[in-house]
Amino acid sequence: MPLDKALVGCHDDWNALDHFDPTTNSRRLFSRFFHLRTVYGALQDGFNLVQRGNWTYWIQRPGSNNTGTEMGLWSVSRAAQPGVQTLNGTFNDQVWLLYTNENSTKTWSFDCKESLWISSPFESGVTVRNLLPPYDIYTLDESLSSLNNDDKAPFFGCLANVTMDPYGYKVLVPSSQWVAQNPAITKFLPGHDHRILSQANSTSIDISLEFNVAMDCDGVTSSVSLNVSSSGQSAGNGQPGVTHVQCGQVQNPDPAVLVGTDVSAWYWNAMLVNVPDGVVTITVDHAPAQSGNATTNVRVFSPLRSYSLVRSGIGQGSSLATERRGEQRDGFPRE
């Protein structure tokens, strides 16, 4: 096991910082999971779990004492138990899950008229779409398995080929039932719980927010507010504020660290001016998307300090904060 960091962790100051960063891949991924459960009743409460097929083989890991490990691809559907359950999602039909435990990118291709065809729970001709990035779309081919078990059309849909990322998984539904990801903050600079050294006669700090969808630039700016908790050091004339706003598409986003997480698509850059020594909490409250019908539904906290802690949190709104001077760590807002 790669224990290098664990062995020296006691000597790493980073471990003493606050790690409630709402822009982390794992947090955003589970936020997407929880959102999908509110939309698709089968994901939340479906008791009817059916293994549609598996394309697997067996290996033995070193030190496994002859205990086998099954490797490959699985196809599973999840739905309400007929006659037992009444689901309460926006969509209550079945969902289709594909997942693999291969540690490399792999493609599975089979003839839909042969025995190894990749079976789906949907009818042939249906277009399905992944609820997770990269939101891939597939049109199901015709198989030889009839929906009514009478050797006649309609037939179950077949996936002629599929490529899976290492340890990849897909959640597929008919495209007519596909629901887009909610807008979310994917990155904050100078960084969550980041410390900024106070410089003489310098009271400005550059900040940047990145989002997974295109946002309304003026709307994001209007959603940003500042709350000052000063240590007593003057920042000069004027109150802390936001200036030099720039918005646009992210050209080279950071790659996704986890399967199923999206990447940055749009940025909001600005300068904080008249920042005093102490803590300035930046709150991003329900910033609107360009579509006009969605918001981040979050609040991010980040103390701006020189000597500084930057916090960002996504929840009922979004708040970011950075500490300019001082070591106290109490009084920071959390989600």
C-alpha atoms as a PDB file:
ATOM      1  CA  MET A   1       0.000   0.000   0.000  1.00  0.00           C
ATOM      2  CA  PRO A   2       1.213   3.560  -0.745  1.00  0.00           C
ATOM      3  CA  LEU A   3       1.712   4.689   2.848  1.00  0.00           C
ATOM      4  CA  ASP A   4       4.198   7.483   2.142  1.00  0.00           C
ATOM      5  CA  LYS A   5       1.857  10.339   3.137  1.00  0.00           C
ATOM      6  CA  ALA A   6       0.604   8.494   6.195  1.00  0.00           C
ATOM      7  CA  LEU A   7       4.163   8.010   7.426  1.00  0.00           C
ATOM      8  CA  VAL A   8       4.964  11.751   7.325  1.00  0.00           C
ATOM      9  CA  GLY A   9       1.467  13.146   7.922  1.00  0.00           C
ATOM     10  CA  CYS A  10       2.310  14.417  11.391  1.00  0.00           C
ATOM     11  CA  HIS A  11       4.879  16.740   9.811  1.00  0.00           C
ATOM     12  CA  ASP A  12       2.520  18.129   7.138  1.00  0.00           C
ATOM     13  CA  ASP A  13       0.867  21.432   8.171  1.00  0.00           C
ATOM     14  CA  TRP A  14      -1.845  20.888   5.537  1.00  0.00           C
ATOM     15  CA  ASN A  15      -3.422  18.201   7.724  1.00  0.00           C
ATOM     16  CA  ALA A  16      -4.220  20.793  10.403  1.00  0.00           C
ATOM     17  CA  LEU A  17      -6.365  22.842   8.023  1.00  0.00           C
ATOM     18  CA  ASP A  18     -10.128  22.666   7.564  1.00  0.00           C
ATOM     19  CA  HIS A  19     -11.012  20.162   4.837  1.00  0.00           C
ATOM     20  CA  PHE A  20     -14.736  20.821   4.375  1.00  0.00           C
ATOM     21  CA  ASP A  21     -14.135  21.827   0.776  1.00  0.00           C
ATOM     22  CA  PRO A  22     -17.394  21.631  -1.231  1.00  0.00           C
ATOM     23  CA  THR A  23     -15.563  21.742  -4.561  1.00  0.00           C
ATOM     24  CA  THR A  24     -13.852  18.378  -4.034  1.00  0.00           C
ATOM     25  CA  ASN A  25     -14.662  15.704  -6.597  1.00  0.00           C
ATOM     26  CA  SER A  26     -16.084  13.249  -4.065  1.00  0.00           C
ATOM     27  CA  ARG A  27     -18.434  15.791  -2.523  1.00  0.00           C
ATOM     28  CA  ARG A  28     -19.744  16.942  -5.895  1.00  0.00           C
ATOM     29  CA  LEU A  29     -20.184  13.335  -7.004  1.00  0.00           C
ATOM     30  CA  PHE A  30     -22.306  12.452  -3.993  1.00  0.00           C
ATOM     31  CA  SER A  31     -24.285  15.672  -4.424  1.00  0.00           C
ATOM     32  CA  ARG A  32     -25.132  14.421  -7.915  1.00  0.00           C
ATOM     33  CA  PHE A  33     -26.072  10.998  -6.516  1.00  0.00           C
ATOM     34  CA  PHE A  34     -28.399  12.558  -3.937  1.00  0.00           C
ATOM     35  CA  HIS A  35     -29.985  14.802  -6.571  1.00  0.00           C
ATOM     36  CA  LEU A  36     -30.610  11.835  -8.878  1.00  0.00           C
ATOM     37  CA  ARG A  37     -32.315   9.967  -6.046  1.00  0.00           C
ATOM     38  CA  THR A  38     -34.864  12.770  -5.735  1.00  0.00           C
ATOM     39  CA  VAL A  39     -35.626  12.581  -9.468  1.00  0.00           C
ATOM     40  CA  TYR A  40     -35.582   8.823 -10.153  1.00  0.00           C
ATOM     41  CA  GLY A  41     -37.700   6.814  -7.735  1.00  0.00           C
ATOM     42  CA  ALA A  42     -36.019   3.535  -8.691  1.00  0.00           C
ATOM     43  CA  LEU A  43     -32.613   4.845  -7.595  1.00  0.00           C
ATOM     44  CA  GLN A  44     -34.010   5.856  -4.217  1.00  0.00           C
ATOM     45  CA  ASP A  45     -36.292   2.968  -3.304  1.00  0.00           C
ATOM     46  CA  GLY A  46     -36.430   0.393  -6.114  1.00  0.00           C
ATOM     47  CA  PHE A  47     -36.451  -3.148  -4.641  1.00  0.00           C
ATOM     48  CA  ASN A  48     -36.504  -4.973  -7.986  1.00  0.00           C
ATOM     49  CA  LEU A  49     -32.826  -5.489  -8.857  1.00  0.00           C
ATOM     50  CA  VAL A  50     -32.232  -7.672 -11.923  1.00  0.00           C
ATOM     51  CA  GLN A  51     -28.854  -8.795 -13.247  1.00  0.00           C
ATOM     52  CA  ARG A  52     -29.180  -8.471 -17.005  1.00  0.00           C
ATOM     53  CA  GLY A  53     -25.853 -10.077 -17.753  1.00  0.00           C
ATOM     54  CA  ASN A  54     -22.167 -10.161 -16.952  1.00  0.00           C
ATOM     55  CA  TRP A  55     -19.102 -10.445 -19.148  1.00  0.00           C
ATOM     56  CA  THR A  56     -16.528 -11.547 -16.630  1.00  0.00           C
ATOM     57  CA  TYR A  57     -13.601 -13.834 -15.919  1.00  0.00           C
ATOM     58  CA  TRP A  58     -11.821 -15.015 -12.772  1.00  0.00           C
ATOM     59  CA  ILE A  59      -8.342 -14.258 -11.479  1.00  0.00           C
ATOM     60  CA  GLN A  60      -6.424 -14.861  -8.264  1.00  0.00           C
ATOM     61  CA  ARG A  61      -4.768 -11.924  -6.561  1.00  0.00           C
ATOM     62  CA  PRO A  62      -1.353 -12.382  -4.945  1.00  0.00           C
ATOM     63  CA  GLY A  63      -1.819 -13.488  -1.364  1.00  0.00           C
ATOM     64  CA  SER A  64      -5.485 -14.382  -1.877  1.00  0.00           C
ATOM     65  CA  ASN A  65      -4.974 -17.995  -0.721  1.00  0.00           C
ATOM     66  CA  ASN A  66      -6.736 -19.369  -3.825  1.00  0.00           C
ATOM     67  CA  THR A  67      -9.776 -17.096  -3.375  1.00  0.00           C
ATOM     68  CA  GLY A  68     -10.909 -15.958  -6.818  1.00  0.00           C
ATOM     69  CA  THR A  69     -11.770 -12.412  -7.894  1.00  0.00           C
ATOM     70  CA  GLU A  70     -14.352 -11.877 -10.632  1.00  0.00           C
ATOM     71  CA  MET A  71     -13.357  -9.199 -13.166  1.00  0.00           C
ATOM     72  CA  GLY A  72     -15.223  -7.596 -16.047  1.00  0.00           C
ATOM     73  CA  LEU A  73     -18.512  -5.866 -16.873  1.00  0.00           C
ATOM     74  CA  TRP A  74     -21.962  -6.148 -15.279  1.00  0.00           C
ATOM     75  CA  SER A  75     -25.394  -5.037 -16.536  1.00  0.00           C
ATOM     76  CA  VAL A  76     -28.116  -4.510 -13.918  1.00  0.00           C
ATOM     77  CA  SER A  77     -31.534  -2.853 -13.873  1.00  0.00           C
ATOM     78  CA  ARG A  78     -33.323  -1.407 -10.870  1.00  0.00           C
ATOM     79  CA  ALA A  79     -37.059  -0.748 -10.611  1.00  0.00           C
ATOM     80  CA  ALA A  80     -40.044  -0.833  -8.277  1.00  0.00           C
ATOM     81  CA  GLN A  81     -41.215  -4.247  -7.096  1.00  0.00           C
ATOM     82  CA  PRO A  82     -44.441  -4.828  -9.076  1.00  0.00           C
ATOM     83  CA  GLY A  83     -47.544  -4.898  -6.918  1.00  0.00           C
ATOM     84  CA  VAL A  84     -45.546  -3.944  -3.824  1.00  0.00           C
ATOM     85  CA  GLN A  85     -44.019  -0.493  -4.331  1.00  0.00           C
ATOM     86  CA  THR A  86     -45.291   2.896  -5.423  1.00  0.00           C
ATOM     87  CA  LEU A  87     -42.358   5.209  -6.119  1.00  0.00           C
ATOM     88  CA  ASN A  88     -42.417   8.980  -5.631  1.00  0.00           C
ATOM     89  CA  GLY A  89     -39.787  10.381  -7.985  1.00  0.00           C
ATOM     90  CA  THR A  90     -40.265  12.657 -10.967  1.00  0.00           C
ATOM     91  CA  PHE A  91     -39.605   9.533 -13.047  1.00  0.00           C
ATOM     92  CA  ASN A  92     -40.498   6.143 -11.629  1.00  0.00           C
ATOM     93  CA  ASP A  93     -39.507   3.817 -14.470  1.00  0.00           C
ATOM     94  CA  GLN A  94     -36.558   1.449 -14.286  1.00  0.00           C
ATOM     95  CA  VAL A  95     -32.952   2.576 -14.637  1.00  0.00           C
ATOM     96  CA  TRP A  96     -30.062   0.672 -16.189  1.00  0.00           C
ATOM     97  CA  LEU A  97     -26.667   0.370 -14.482  1.00  0.00           C
ATOM     98  CA  LEU A  98     -23.387  -0.671 -16.109  1.00  0.00           C
ATOM     99  CA  TYR A  99     -20.209  -1.035 -14.052  1.00  0.00           C
ATOM    100  CA  THR A 100     -16.763  -2.575 -14.216  1.00  0.00           C
ATOM    101  CA  ASN A 101     -13.897  -3.320 -11.844  1.00  0.00           C
ATOM    102  CA  GLU A 102     -11.223  -3.336 -14.562  1.00  0.00           C
ATOM    103  CA  ASN A 103      -8.285  -1.062 -13.743  1.00  0.00           C
ATOM    104  CA  SER A 104      -7.895   0.131 -17.321  1.00  0.00           C
ATOM    105  CA  THR A 105     -10.048   1.569 -20.089  1.00  0.00           C
ATOM    106  CA  LYS A 106     -11.729  -1.288 -21.914  1.00  0.00           C
ATOM    107  CA  THR A 107     -14.260  -1.696 -24.732  1.00  0.00           C
ATOM    108  CA  TRP A 108     -16.810  -4.526 -24.946  1.00  0.00           C
ATOM    109  CA  SER A 109     -18.248  -5.265 -28.419  1.00  0.00           C
ATOM    110  CA  PHE A 110     -20.641  -8.112 -29.250  1.00  0.00           C
ATOM    111  CA  ASP A 111     -22.999  -9.108 -32.052  1.00  0.00           C
ATOM    112  CA  CYS A 112     -26.533  -8.299 -30.913  1.00  0.00           C
ATOM    113  CA  LYS A 113     -27.820 -11.435 -32.647  1.00  0.00           C
ATOM    114  CA  GLU A 114     -25.416 -13.726 -30.805  1.00  0.00           C
ATOM    115  CA  SER A 115     -25.448 -15.179 -27.282  1.00  0.00           C
ATOM    116  CA  LEU A 116     -23.070 -12.667 -25.649  1.00  0.00           C
ATOM    117  CA  TRP A 117     -25.070  -9.544 -26.538  1.00  0.00           C
ATOM    118  CA  ILE A 118     -25.085  -6.750 -23.947  1.00  0.00           C
ATOM    119  CA  SER A 119     -28.660  -6.819 -22.712  1.00  0.00           C
ATOM    120  CA  SER A 120     -30.681  -3.800 -21.606  1.00  0.00           C
ATOM    121  CA  PRO A 121     -34.063  -3.514 -19.863  1.00  0.00           C
ATOM    122  CA  PHE A 122     -35.366  -1.216 -22.629  1.00  0.00           C
ATOM    123  CA  GLU A 123     -36.898  -1.850 -26.042  1.00  0.00           C
ATOM    124  CA  SER A 124     -34.723  -1.779 -29.164  1.00  0.00           C
ATOM    125  CA  GLY A 125     -34.608   1.576 -30.939  1.00  0.00           C
ATOM    126  CA  VAL A 126     -34.727   3.492 -27.658  1.00  0.00           C
ATOM    127  CA  THR A 127     -32.039   6.152 -27.169  1.00  0.00           C
ATOM    128  CA  VAL A 128     -30.555   6.104 -23.684  1.00  0.00           C
ATOM    129  CA  ARG A 129     -28.303   8.646 -22.014  1.00  0.00           C
ATOM    130  CA  ASN A 130     -25.881   8.473 -19.106  1.00  0.00           C
ATOM    131  CA  LEU A 131     -26.910  10.533 -16.073  1.00  0.00           C
ATOM    132  CA  LEU A 132     -23.233  11.009 -15.184  1.00  0.00           C
ATOM    133  CA  PRO A 133     -20.429  12.707 -17.148  1.00  0.00           C
ATOM    134  CA  PRO A 134     -19.596  12.437 -19.979  1.00  0.00           C
ATOM    135  CA  TYR A 135     -23.400  12.091 -20.458  1.00  0.00           C
ATOM    136  CA  ASP A 136     -22.854   9.694 -23.366  1.00  0.00           C
ATOM    137  CA  ILE A 137     -25.779   8.687 -25.614  1.00  0.00           C
ATOM    138  CA  TYR A 138     -26.516   5.247 -27.112  1.00  0.00           C
ATOM    139  CA  THR A 139     -29.223   3.994 -29.476  1.00  0.00           C
ATOM    140  CA  LEU A 140     -30.114   0.392 -28.665  1.00  0.00           C
ATOM    141  CA  ASP A 141     -29.950  -2.168 -31.449  1.00  0.00           C
ATOM    142  CA  GLU A 142     -32.383  -5.026 -31.905  1.00  0.00           C
ATOM    143  CA  SER A 143     -31.671  -8.342 -30.207  1.00  0.00           C
ATOM    144  CA  LEU A 144     -33.273 -11.766 -30.674  1.00  0.00           C
ATOM    145  CA  SER A 145     -34.946 -11.643 -27.242  1.00  0.00           C
ATOM    146  CA  SER A 146     -38.596 -10.596 -27.442  1.00  0.00           C
ATOM    147  CA  LEU A 147     -40.138  -8.375 -24.776  1.00  0.00           C
ATOM    148  CA  ASN A 148     -43.242 -10.566 -24.651  1.00  0.00           C
ATOM    149  CA  ASN A 149     -41.326 -13.855 -24.741  1.00  0.00           C
ATOM    150  CA  ASP A 150     -43.087 -14.908 -27.967  1.00  0.00           C
ATOM    151  CA  ASP A 151     -40.188 -14.638 -30.437  1.00  0.00           C
ATOM    152  CA  LYS A 152     -41.884 -11.618 -32.031  1.00  0.00           C
ATOM    153  CA  ALA A 153     -41.241  -7.890 -32.002  1.00  0.00           C
ATOM    154  CA  PRO A 154     -40.804  -5.783 -30.003  1.00  0.00           C
ATOM    155  CA  PHE A 155     -37.365  -6.979 -28.904  1.00  0.00           C
ATOM    156  CA  PHE A 156     -35.124  -6.021 -26.005  1.00  0.00           C
ATOM    157  CA  GLY A 157     -32.525  -3.410 -26.870  1.00  0.00           C
ATOM    158  CA  CYS A 158     -28.873  -4.382 -27.199  1.00  0.00           C
ATOM    159  CA  LEU A 159     -25.772  -2.262 -26.670  1.00  0.00           C
ATOM    160  CA  ALA A 160     -23.497  -3.183 -29.568  1.00  0.00           C
ATOM    161  CA  ASN A 161     -20.386  -1.799 -27.855  1.00  0.00           C
ATOM    162  CA  VAL A 162     -19.468   0.225 -24.813  1.00  0.00           C
ATOM    163  CA  THR A 163     -16.223   1.688 -23.517  1.00  0.00           C
ATOM    164  CA  MET A 164     -15.721   1.944 -19.757  1.00  0.00           C
ATOM    165  CA  ASP A 165     -13.145   3.978 -17.875  1.00  0.00           C
ATOM    166  CA  PRO A 166     -11.101   2.257 -15.144  1.00  0.00           C
ATOM    167  CA  TYR A 167     -13.559   1.283 -12.387  1.00  0.00           C
ATOM    168  CA  GLY A 168     -16.194   3.026 -14.496  1.00  0.00           C
ATOM    169  CA  TYR A 169     -19.963   3.021 -14.142  1.00  0.00           C
ATOM    170  CA  LYS A 170     -22.923   4.441 -16.045  1.00  0.00           C
ATOM    171  CA  VAL A 171     -26.520   5.148 -15.049  1.00  0.00           C
ATOM    172  CA  LEU A 172     -28.639   5.005 -18.209  1.00  0.00           C
ATOM    173  CA  VAL A 173     -32.218   6.170 -18.743  1.00  0.00           C
ATOM    174  CA  PRO A 174     -34.258   6.944 -21.889  1.00  0.00           C
ATOM    175  CA  SER A 175     -33.147  10.308 -23.256  1.00  0.00           C
ATOM    176  CA  SER A 176     -36.682  11.639 -22.779  1.00  0.00           C
ATOM    177  CA  GLN A 177     -36.223  11.173 -19.017  1.00  0.00           C
ATOM    178  CA  TRP A 178     -32.701  12.568 -18.803  1.00  0.00           C
ATOM    179  CA  VAL A 179     -32.172  15.385 -16.270  1.00  0.00           C
ATOM    180  CA  ALA A 180     -29.126  17.653 -16.449  1.00  0.00           C
ATOM    181  CA  GLN A 181     -26.642  18.249 -13.667  1.00  0.00           C
ATOM    182  CA  ASN A 182     -27.354  21.160 -11.318  1.00  0.00           C
ATOM    183  CA  PRO A 183     -24.925  24.102 -11.604  1.00  0.00           C
ATOM    184  CA  ALA A 184     -22.078  23.711  -9.128  1.00  0.00           C
ATOM    185  CA  ILE A 185     -18.826  25.421  -8.199  1.00  0.00           C
ATOM    186  CA  THR A 186     -16.032  23.131  -9.370  1.00  0.00           C
ATOM    187  CA  LYS A 187     -12.993  25.136  -8.317  1.00  0.00           C
ATOM    188  CA  PHE A 188     -12.037  28.092  -6.118  1.00  0.00           C
ATOM    189  CA  LEU A 189      -8.780  30.028  -6.165  1.00  0.00           C
ATOM    190  CA  PRO A 190      -6.657  30.867  -4.217  1.00  0.00           C
ATOM    191  CA  GLY A 191      -8.037  27.680  -2.653  1.00  0.00           C
ATOM    192  CA  HIS A 192     -10.070  26.260   0.180  1.00  0.00           C
ATOM    193  CA  ASP A 193      -8.552  27.081   3.583  1.00  0.00           C
ATOM    194  CA  HIS A 194      -5.612  28.722   1.807  1.00  0.00           C
ATOM    195  CA  ARG A 195      -3.380  31.144   3.705  1.00  0.00           C
ATOM    196  CA  ILE A 196      -2.297  34.421   2.163  1.00  0.00           C
ATOM    197  CA  LEU A 197       0.656  36.309   3.598  1.00  0.00           C
ATOM    198  CA  SER A 198      -0.200  39.954   4.268  1.00  0.00           C
ATOM    199  CA  GLN A 199       1.995  42.337   2.305  1.00  0.00           C
ATOM    200  CA  ALA A 200       2.633  45.965   3.228  1.00  0.00           C
ATOM    201  CA  ASN A 201       0.360  48.424   1.380  1.00  0.00           C
ATOM    202  CA  SER A 202      -1.355  45.537  -0.429  1.00  0.00           C
ATOM    203  CA  THR A 203      -5.091  45.235   0.185  1.00  0.00           C
ATOM    204  CA  SER A 204      -6.271  43.391  -2.923  1.00  0.00           C
ATOM    205  CA  ILE A 205      -6.621  39.660  -3.627  1.00  0.00           C
ATOM    206  CA  ASP A 206      -7.379  37.953  -6.948  1.00  0.00           C
ATOM    207  CA  ILE A 207     -10.025  35.242  -6.720  1.00  0.00           C
ATOM    208  CA  SER A 208     -11.547  32.864  -9.241  1.00  0.00           C
ATOM    209  CA  LEU A 209     -14.611  30.640  -9.291  1.00  0.00           C
ATOM    210  CA  GLU A 210     -15.166  27.900 -11.844  1.00  0.00           C
ATOM    211  CA  PHE A 211     -18.512  26.255 -12.589  1.00  0.00           C
ATOM    212  CA  ASN A 212     -19.608  23.082 -14.367  1.00  0.00           C
ATOM    213  CA  VAL A 213     -22.050  24.956 -16.638  1.00  0.00           C
ATOM    214  CA  ALA A 214     -22.204  28.388 -18.237  1.00  0.00           C
ATOM    215  CA  MET A 215     -23.413  30.937 -15.697  1.00  0.00           C
ATOM    216  CA  ASP A 216     -24.867  34.435 -15.893  1.00  0.00           C
ATOM    217  CA  CYS A 217     -21.890  36.745 -15.287  1.00  0.00           C
ATOM    218  CA  ASP A 218     -23.844  39.640 -13.797  1.00  0.00           C
ATOM    219  CA  GLY A 219     -25.930  37.180 -11.812  1.00  0.00           C
ATOM    220  CA  VAL A 220     -22.852  35.577 -10.251  1.00  0.00           C
ATOM    221  CA  THR A 221     -21.438  39.007  -9.394  1.00  0.00           C
ATOM    222  CA  SER A 222     -24.733  40.013  -7.774  1.00  0.00           C
ATOM    223  CA  SER A 223     -24.785  36.775  -5.777  1.00  0.00           C
ATOM    224  CA  VAL A 224     -21.366  37.514  -4.224  1.00  0.00           C
ATOM    225  CA  SER A 225     -21.304  39.318  -0.885  1.00  0.00           C
ATOM    226  CA  LEU A 226     -18.532  39.949   1.668  1.00  0.00           C
ATOM    227  CA  ASN A 227     -18.539  39.831   5.445  1.00  0.00           C
ATOM    228  CA  VAL A 228     -15.515  41.309   7.237  1.00  0.00           C
ATOM    229  CA  SER A 229     -14.112  40.067  10.531  1.00  0.00           C
ATOM    230  CA  SER A 230     -11.023  42.239  10.940  1.00  0.00           C
ATOM    231  CA  SER A 231      -8.168  41.708  13.349  1.00  0.00           C
ATOM    232  CA  GLY A 232      -7.874  45.477  13.699  1.00  0.00           C
ATOM    233  CA  GLN A 233      -5.324  46.178  10.999  1.00  0.00           C
ATOM    234  CA  SER A 234      -6.579  48.871   8.638  1.00  0.00           C
ATOM    235  CA  ALA A 235      -6.936  48.158   4.936  1.00  0.00           C
ATOM    236  CA  GLY A 236      -6.910  51.805   4.000  1.00  0.00           C
ATOM    237  CA  ASN A 237      -9.867  53.799   2.701  1.00  0.00           C
ATOM    238  CA  GLY A 238     -13.120  52.208   1.655  1.00  0.00           C
ATOM    239  CA  GLN A 239     -14.991  49.011   2.338  1.00  0.00           C
ATOM    240  CA  PRO A 240     -14.008  45.625   0.910  1.00  0.00           C
ATOM    241  CA  GLY A 241     -15.559  45.102  -2.482  1.00  0.00           C
ATOM    242  CA  VAL A 242     -15.415  43.209  -5.775  1.00  0.00           C
ATOM    243  CA  THR A 243     -13.984  44.768  -8.946  1.00  0.00           C
ATOM    244  CA  HIS A 244     -12.414  43.804 -12.293  1.00  0.00           C
ATOM    245  CA  VAL A 245     -14.903  41.013 -13.001  1.00  0.00           C
ATOM    246  CA  GLN A 246     -14.152  38.806 -15.995  1.00  0.00           C
ATOM    247  CA  CYS A 247     -16.159  35.792 -17.186  1.00  0.00           C
ATOM    248  CA  GLY A 248     -15.779  33.221 -19.929  1.00  0.00           C
ATOM    249  CA  GLN A 249     -15.386  29.621 -20.961  1.00  0.00           C
ATOM    250  CA  VAL A 250     -12.679  27.494 -19.328  1.00  0.00           C
ATOM    251  CA  GLN A 251     -10.344  26.407 -22.109  1.00  0.00           C
ATOM    252  CA  ASN A 252      -8.192  23.818 -20.328  1.00  0.00           C
ATOM    253  CA  PRO A 253     -10.152  22.458 -17.343  1.00  0.00           C
ATOM    254  CA  ASP A 254      -8.552  20.268 -14.743  1.00  0.00           C
ATOM    255  CA  PRO A 255      -9.295  16.620 -15.584  1.00  0.00           C
ATOM    256  CA  ALA A 256     -11.842  14.757 -13.498  1.00  0.00           C
ATOM    257  CA  VAL A 257     -10.200  12.850 -10.669  1.00  0.00           C
ATOM    258  CA  LEU A 258     -13.123  10.465 -10.086  1.00  0.00           C
ATOM    259  CA  VAL A 259     -15.328   8.647 -12.578  1.00  0.00           C
ATOM    260  CA  GLY A 260     -18.717  10.340 -12.821  1.00  0.00           C
ATOM    261  CA  THR A 261     -17.619  13.868 -11.917  1.00  0.00           C
ATOM    262  CA  ASP A 262     -17.802  16.785 -14.305  1.00  0.00           C
ATOM    263  CA  VAL A 263     -15.132  19.354 -15.103  1.00  0.00           C
ATOM    264  CA  SER A 264     -15.099  23.147 -15.191  1.00  0.00           C
ATOM    265  CA  ALA A 265     -16.830  24.788 -18.147  1.00  0.00           C
ATOM    266  CA  TRP A 266     -17.048  28.461 -17.143  1.00  0.00           C
ATOM    267  CA  TYR A 267     -15.102  30.885 -14.953  1.00  0.00           C
ATOM    268  CA  TRP A 268     -15.717  34.054 -12.956  1.00  0.00           C
ATOM    269  CA  ASN A 269     -12.576  36.033 -12.070  1.00  0.00           C
ATOM    270  CA  ALA A 270     -12.497  39.128  -9.886  1.00  0.00           C
ATOM    271  CA  MET A 271     -10.377  41.200  -7.531  1.00  0.00           C
ATOM    272  CA  LEU A 272     -11.221  41.830  -3.901  1.00  0.00           C
ATOM    273  CA  VAL A 273     -10.153  45.341  -2.890  1.00  0.00           C
ATOM    274  CA  ASN A 274      -9.713  47.024   0.488  1.00  0.00           C
ATOM    275  CA  VAL A 275      -9.223  43.666   2.179  1.00  0.00           C
ATOM    276  CA  PRO A 276      -8.173  44.162   5.832  1.00  0.00           C
ATOM    277  CA  ASP A 277      -6.032  41.899   7.944  1.00  0.00           C
ATOM    278  CA  GLY A 278      -8.441  39.377   9.409  1.00  0.00           C
ATOM    279  CA  VAL A 279     -11.187  37.347   7.804  1.00  0.00           C
ATOM    280  CA  VAL A 280     -13.362  38.294   4.846  1.00  0.00           C
ATOM    281  CA  THR A 281     -16.083  35.743   4.177  1.00  0.00           C
ATOM    282  CA  ILE A 282     -17.190  35.604   0.558  1.00  0.00           C
ATOM    283  CA  THR A 283     -20.734  34.298   0.107  1.00  0.00           C
ATOM    284  CA  VAL A 284     -21.978  33.107  -3.289  1.00  0.00           C
ATOM    285  CA  ASP A 285     -25.705  32.744  -2.823  1.00  0.00           C
ATOM    286  CA  HIS A 286     -27.761  30.943  -5.498  1.00  0.00           C
ATOM    287  CA  ALA A 287     -25.840  32.168  -8.520  1.00  0.00           C
ATOM    288  CA  PRO A 288     -27.947  31.762 -11.708  1.00  0.00           C
ATOM    289  CA  ALA A 289     -26.993  29.811 -14.797  1.00  0.00           C
ATOM    290  CA  GLN A 290     -27.190  31.353 -18.266  1.00  0.00           C
ATOM    291  CA  SER A 291     -30.308  29.296 -18.905  1.00  0.00           C
ATOM    292  CA  GLY A 292     -31.997  31.387 -16.238  1.00  0.00           C
ATOM    293  CA  ASN A 293     -33.842  28.439 -14.733  1.00  0.00           C
ATOM    294  CA  ALA A 294     -31.191  27.010 -12.439  1.00  0.00           C
ATOM    295  CA  THR A 295     -28.877  28.151  -9.671  1.00  0.00           C
ATOM    296  CA  THR A 296     -26.007  26.693  -7.745  1.00  0.00           C
ATOM    297  CA  ASN A 297     -28.377  26.298  -4.771  1.00  0.00           C
ATOM    298  CA  VAL A 298     -25.294  26.656  -2.625  1.00  0.00           C
ATOM    299  CA  ARG A 299     -23.330  28.957  -0.391  1.00  0.00           C
ATOM    300  CA  VAL A 300     -19.498  28.905  -0.249  1.00  0.00           C
ATOM    301  CA  PHE A 301     -17.484  30.182   2.710  1.00  0.00           C
ATOM    302  CA  SER A 302     -13.869  31.263   2.390  1.00  0.00           C
ATOM    303  CA  PRO A 303     -11.949  33.441   4.876  1.00  0.00           C
ATOM    304  CA  LEU A 304      -9.601  35.822   3.082  1.00  0.00           C
ATOM    305  CA  ARG A 305      -6.617  36.542   5.271  1.00  0.00           C
ATOM    306  CA  SER A 306      -3.097  37.540   4.586  1.00  0.00           C
ATOM    307  CA  TYR A 307      -1.657  35.347   6.612  1.00  0.00           C
ATOM    308  CA  SER A 308      -4.818  33.595   5.397  1.00  0.00           C
ATOM    309  CA  LEU A 309      -7.299  30.759   5.442  1.00  0.00           C
ATOM    310  CA  VAL A 310      -9.544  30.321   2.479  1.00  0.00           C
ATOM    311  CA  ARG A 311     -12.662  28.289   3.077  1.00  0.00           C
ATOM    312  CA  SER A 312     -15.222  27.384   0.544  1.00  0.00           C
ATOM    313  CA  GLY A 313     -18.417  25.525   1.221  1.00  0.00           C
ATOM    314  CA  ILE A 314     -21.342  24.518  -0.945  1.00  0.00           C
ATOM    315  CA  GLY A 315     -24.713  24.074   0.637  1.00  0.00           C
ATOM    316  CA  GLN A 316     -27.778  26.311   0.863  1.00  0.00           C
ATOM    317  CA  GLY A 317     -25.642  28.943  -0.815  1.00  0.00           C
ATOM    318  CA  SER A 318     -21.885  29.101  -1.237  1.00  0.00           C
ATOM    319  CA  SER A 319     -19.361  30.862   0.903  1.00  0.00           C
ATOM    320  CA  LEU A 320     -15.658  31.390   0.552  1.00  0.00           C
ATOM    321  CA  ALA A 321     -13.309  32.934   3.056  1.00  0.00           C
ATOM    322  CA  THR A 322      -9.661  33.853   3.405  1.00  0.00           C
ATOM    323  CA  GLU A 323      -7.665  34.947   6.414  1.00  0.00           C
ATOM    324  CA  ARG A 324      -5.229  37.821   5.953  1.00  0.00           C
ATOM    325  CA  ARG A 325      -3.550  37.617   9.336  1.00  0.00           C
ATOM    326  CA  GLY A 326      -3.746  35.608  12.524  1.00  0.00           C
ATOM    327  CA  GLU A 327      -3.930  31.974  13.524  1.00  0.00           C
ATOM    328  CA  GLN A 328      -7.339  31.767  15.205  1.00  0.00           C
ATOM    329  CA  ARG A 329      -9.554  29.153  13.561  1.00  0.00           C
ATOM    330  CA  ASP A 330     -12.836  29.551  15.401  1.00  0.00           C
ATOM    331  CA  GLY A 331     -15.891  31.396  14.158  1.00  0.00           C
ATOM    332  CA  PHE A 332     -15.677  30.209  10.566  1.00  0.00           C
ATOM    333  CA  PRO A 333     -19.064  29.448   8.974  1.00  0.00           C
ATOM    334  CA  ARG A 334     -19.627  25.844   7.977  1.00  0.00           C
ATOM    335  CA  GLU A 335     -22.322  24.371   5.841  1.00  0.00           C
END
